Every structure is written in structure tokens, then in C-alpha cells.
Amino acid sequence: MVRSIKDHPLYDRLKQLSAKEVAEWALEEVPIEQADKDQRKKAFRIIARHITVGKAERAKYGFNSDTNGEISRAMEWAFQSGIKAAKLLKQNK
């Protein structure tokens, strides 16, 4: 029998969110590129916590998890956000 995570009653809690989705939730209405250093640090910590807790939660219910892929995507997103933030800062000077 093939089990799908989408069939689980807690799917909304177990599904993998992108780093951007988590950061938007963490920062409320401030884009990551415009967030100050402390806000970005807070958002990245929340993303890391979301990845590790999500993996444990999915494993608890017997679902697979691509933790390395999630971390890779989050790091790429953070890198691209940093580049965009630097460009915005340079334009505003």
C-alpha cells in the first residue's frame, strides 16, 4: 500500500514549505531584501527550525523527507536574497 503524505489529516502541518513562504510568515509584510540584519537572522533561524522540526514530524508519522534538498533550496534562496538586498542597498546610496 502506497501512503501519500497528502492523505494524512495533519498534511497542512507536515508539508514542506519553501524558505520564502516561511520567511514571509516570519517577517509578516517586510520583504526579506528590505529586512534589517536582526529580522533576517530571525527569519533564517525560523526557516532552519522549520526544516528540522518538519523532518522529525514527518519521520514520526512514517513519511519520507528530503531534508538535504530543503536545506539546499533554503541556502540558495538566502543567497539570492542577499544579492538582491545588496543591489537595493547600492541603488539607495
C-alpha atoms as a PDB file:
ATOM      1  CA  MET A   1       0.000   0.000   0.000  1.00  0.00           C
ATOM      2  CA  VAL A   2       1.412   3.352  -1.047  1.00  0.00           C
ATOM      3  CA  ARG A   3       0.926   6.070   1.508  1.00  0.00           C
ATOM      4  CA  SER A   4       0.839   9.670   0.481  1.00  0.00           C
ATOM      5  CA  ILE A   5       1.537  12.490   2.890  1.00  0.00           C
ATOM      6  CA  LYS A   6      -1.396  14.326   1.276  1.00  0.00           C
ATOM      7  CA  ASP A   7      -3.743  11.702   2.741  1.00  0.00           C
ATOM      8  CA  HIS A   8      -2.626  12.466   6.280  1.00  0.00           C
ATOM      9  CA  PRO A   9      -5.084  14.522   8.380  1.00  0.00           C
ATOM     10  CA  LEU A  10      -2.235  16.794   9.506  1.00  0.00           C
ATOM     11  CA  TYR A  11      -0.962  17.384   5.960  1.00  0.00           C
ATOM     12  CA  ASP A  12      -1.021  21.169   6.322  1.00  0.00           C
ATOM     13  CA  ARG A  13       1.290  20.859   9.310  1.00  0.00           C
ATOM     14  CA  LEU A  14       3.537  18.228   7.727  1.00  0.00           C
ATOM     15  CA  LYS A  15       4.004  19.608   4.227  1.00  0.00           C
ATOM     16  CA  GLN A  16       7.305  21.144   3.237  1.00  0.00           C
ATOM     17  CA  LEU A  17       7.147  24.890   2.801  1.00  0.00           C
ATOM     18  CA  SER A  18       9.632  26.863   0.785  1.00  0.00           C
ATOM     19  CA  ALA A  19      12.055  29.126   2.601  1.00  0.00           C
ATOM     20  CA  LYS A  20      10.330  32.097   1.007  1.00  0.00           C
ATOM     21  CA  GLU A  21       6.943  31.034   2.398  1.00  0.00           C
ATOM     22  CA  VAL A  22       8.378  30.582   5.882  1.00  0.00           C
ATOM     23  CA  ALA A  23      10.215  33.922   5.734  1.00  0.00           C
ATOM     24  CA  GLU A  24       7.082  35.726   4.561  1.00  0.00           C
ATOM     25  CA  TRP A  25       5.277  34.289   7.563  1.00  0.00           C
ATOM     26  CA  ALA A  26       8.159  35.145   9.923  1.00  0.00           C
ATOM     27  CA  LEU A  27       8.686  38.693   8.666  1.00  0.00           C
ATOM     28  CA  GLU A  28       4.992  39.424   8.179  1.00  0.00           C
ATOM     29  CA  GLU A  29       4.866  42.101   5.470  1.00  0.00           C
ATOM     30  CA  VAL A  30       8.546  43.052   5.116  1.00  0.00           C
ATOM     31  CA  PRO A  31      10.298  41.541   2.070  1.00  0.00           C
ATOM     32  CA  ILE A  32      13.492  39.745   3.068  1.00  0.00           C
ATOM     33  CA  GLU A  33      15.513  42.063   0.832  1.00  0.00           C
ATOM     34  CA  GLN A  34      14.345  45.086   2.856  1.00  0.00           C
ATOM     35  CA  ALA A  35      14.603  43.481   6.295  1.00  0.00           C
ATOM     36  CA  ASP A  36      17.311  44.644   8.646  1.00  0.00           C
ATOM     37  CA  LYS A  37      20.066  42.340   9.921  1.00  0.00           C
ATOM     38  CA  ASP A  38      18.188  41.219  13.043  1.00  0.00           C
ATOM     39  CA  GLN A  39      14.996  40.490  11.100  1.00  0.00           C
ATOM     40  CA  ARG A  40      16.901  38.419   8.523  1.00  0.00           C
ATOM     41  CA  LYS A  41      18.690  36.491  11.274  1.00  0.00           C
ATOM     42  CA  LYS A  42      15.341  35.789  12.949  1.00  0.00           C
ATOM     43  CA  ALA A  43      13.802  34.649   9.643  1.00  0.00           C
ATOM     44  CA  PHE A  44      16.724  32.335   8.828  1.00  0.00           C
ATOM     45  CA  ARG A  45      16.572  30.784  12.313  1.00  0.00           C
ATOM     46  CA  ILE A  46      12.842  30.177  11.883  1.00  0.00           C
ATOM     47  CA  ILE A  47      13.485  28.573   8.487  1.00  0.00           C
ATOM     48  CA  ALA A  48      16.148  26.282   9.999  1.00  0.00           C
ATOM     49  CA  ARG A  49      13.833  25.345  12.861  1.00  0.00           C
ATOM     50  CA  HIS A  50      11.001  24.693  10.405  1.00  0.00           C
ATOM     51  CA  ILE A  51      13.204  22.327   8.382  1.00  0.00           C
ATOM     52  CA  THR A  52      14.461  20.327  11.365  1.00  0.00           C
ATOM     53  CA  VAL A  53      11.100  20.127  13.162  1.00  0.00           C
ATOM     54  CA  GLY A  54       9.359  19.275   9.889  1.00  0.00           C
ATOM     55  CA  LYS A  55      11.729  16.383   9.251  1.00  0.00           C
ATOM     56  CA  ALA A  56      11.171  14.991  12.735  1.00  0.00           C
ATOM     57  CA  GLU A  57       7.400  15.370  12.405  1.00  0.00           C
ATOM     58  CA  ARG A  58       7.279  13.636   9.013  1.00  0.00           C
ATOM     59  CA  ALA A  59       9.543  10.828  10.257  1.00  0.00           C
ATOM     60  CA  LYS A  60       7.308  10.404  13.309  1.00  0.00           C
ATOM     61  CA  TYR A  61       4.364   9.607  11.038  1.00  0.00           C
ATOM     62  CA  GLY A  62       6.415   7.446   8.649  1.00  0.00           C
ATOM     63  CA  PHE A  63       6.772   9.833   5.717  1.00  0.00           C
ATOM     64  CA  ASN A  64       9.935  10.454   3.735  1.00  0.00           C
ATOM     65  CA  SER A  65      11.671  13.786   3.889  1.00  0.00           C
ATOM     66  CA  ASP A  66      14.197  15.442   1.593  1.00  0.00           C
ATOM     67  CA  THR A  67      15.983  17.408   4.303  1.00  0.00           C
ATOM     68  CA  ASN A  68      19.133  17.943   2.251  1.00  0.00           C
ATOM     69  CA  GLY A  69      17.032  19.307  -0.599  1.00  0.00           C
ATOM     70  CA  GLU A  70      15.151  21.630   1.739  1.00  0.00           C
ATOM     71  CA  ILE A  71      18.404  22.939   3.201  1.00  0.00           C
ATOM     72  CA  SER A  72      19.894  23.379  -0.270  1.00  0.00           C
ATOM     73  CA  ARG A  73      16.866  25.306  -1.518  1.00  0.00           C
ATOM     74  CA  ALA A  74      16.823  27.471   1.612  1.00  0.00           C
ATOM     75  CA  MET A  75      20.527  28.294   1.251  1.00  0.00           C
ATOM     76  CA  GLU A  76      20.110  29.155  -2.434  1.00  0.00           C
ATOM     77  CA  TRP A  77      17.110  31.354  -1.641  1.00  0.00           C
ATOM     78  CA  ALA A  78      19.018  33.096   1.182  1.00  0.00           C
ATOM     79  CA  PHE A  79      21.997  33.681  -1.121  1.00  0.00           C
ATOM     80  CA  GLN A  80      19.807  35.153  -3.878  1.00  0.00           C
ATOM     81  CA  SER A  81      18.002  37.320  -1.308  1.00  0.00           C
ATOM     82  CA  GLY A  82      21.359  38.627  -0.080  1.00  0.00           C
ATOM     83  CA  ILE A  83      22.371  39.560  -3.614  1.00  0.00           C
ATOM     84  CA  LYS A  84      19.055  41.384  -4.135  1.00  0.00           C
ATOM     85  CA  ALA A  85      19.433  43.166  -0.786  1.00  0.00           C
ATOM     86  CA  ALA A  86      22.956  44.308  -1.697  1.00  0.00           C
ATOM     87  CA  LYS A  87      21.725  45.650  -5.053  1.00  0.00           C
ATOM     88  CA  LEU A  88      18.886  47.545  -3.357  1.00  0.00           C
ATOM     89  CA  LEU A  89      21.289  48.993  -0.792  1.00  0.00           C
ATOM     90  CA  LYS A  90      23.686  50.074  -3.556  1.00  0.00           C
ATOM     91  CA  GLN A  91      20.846  51.711  -5.532  1.00  0.00           C
ATOM     92  CA  ASN A  92      19.620  53.637  -2.474  1.00  0.00           C
ATOM     93  CA  LYS A  93      23.041  55.180  -1.802  1.00  0.00           C
END
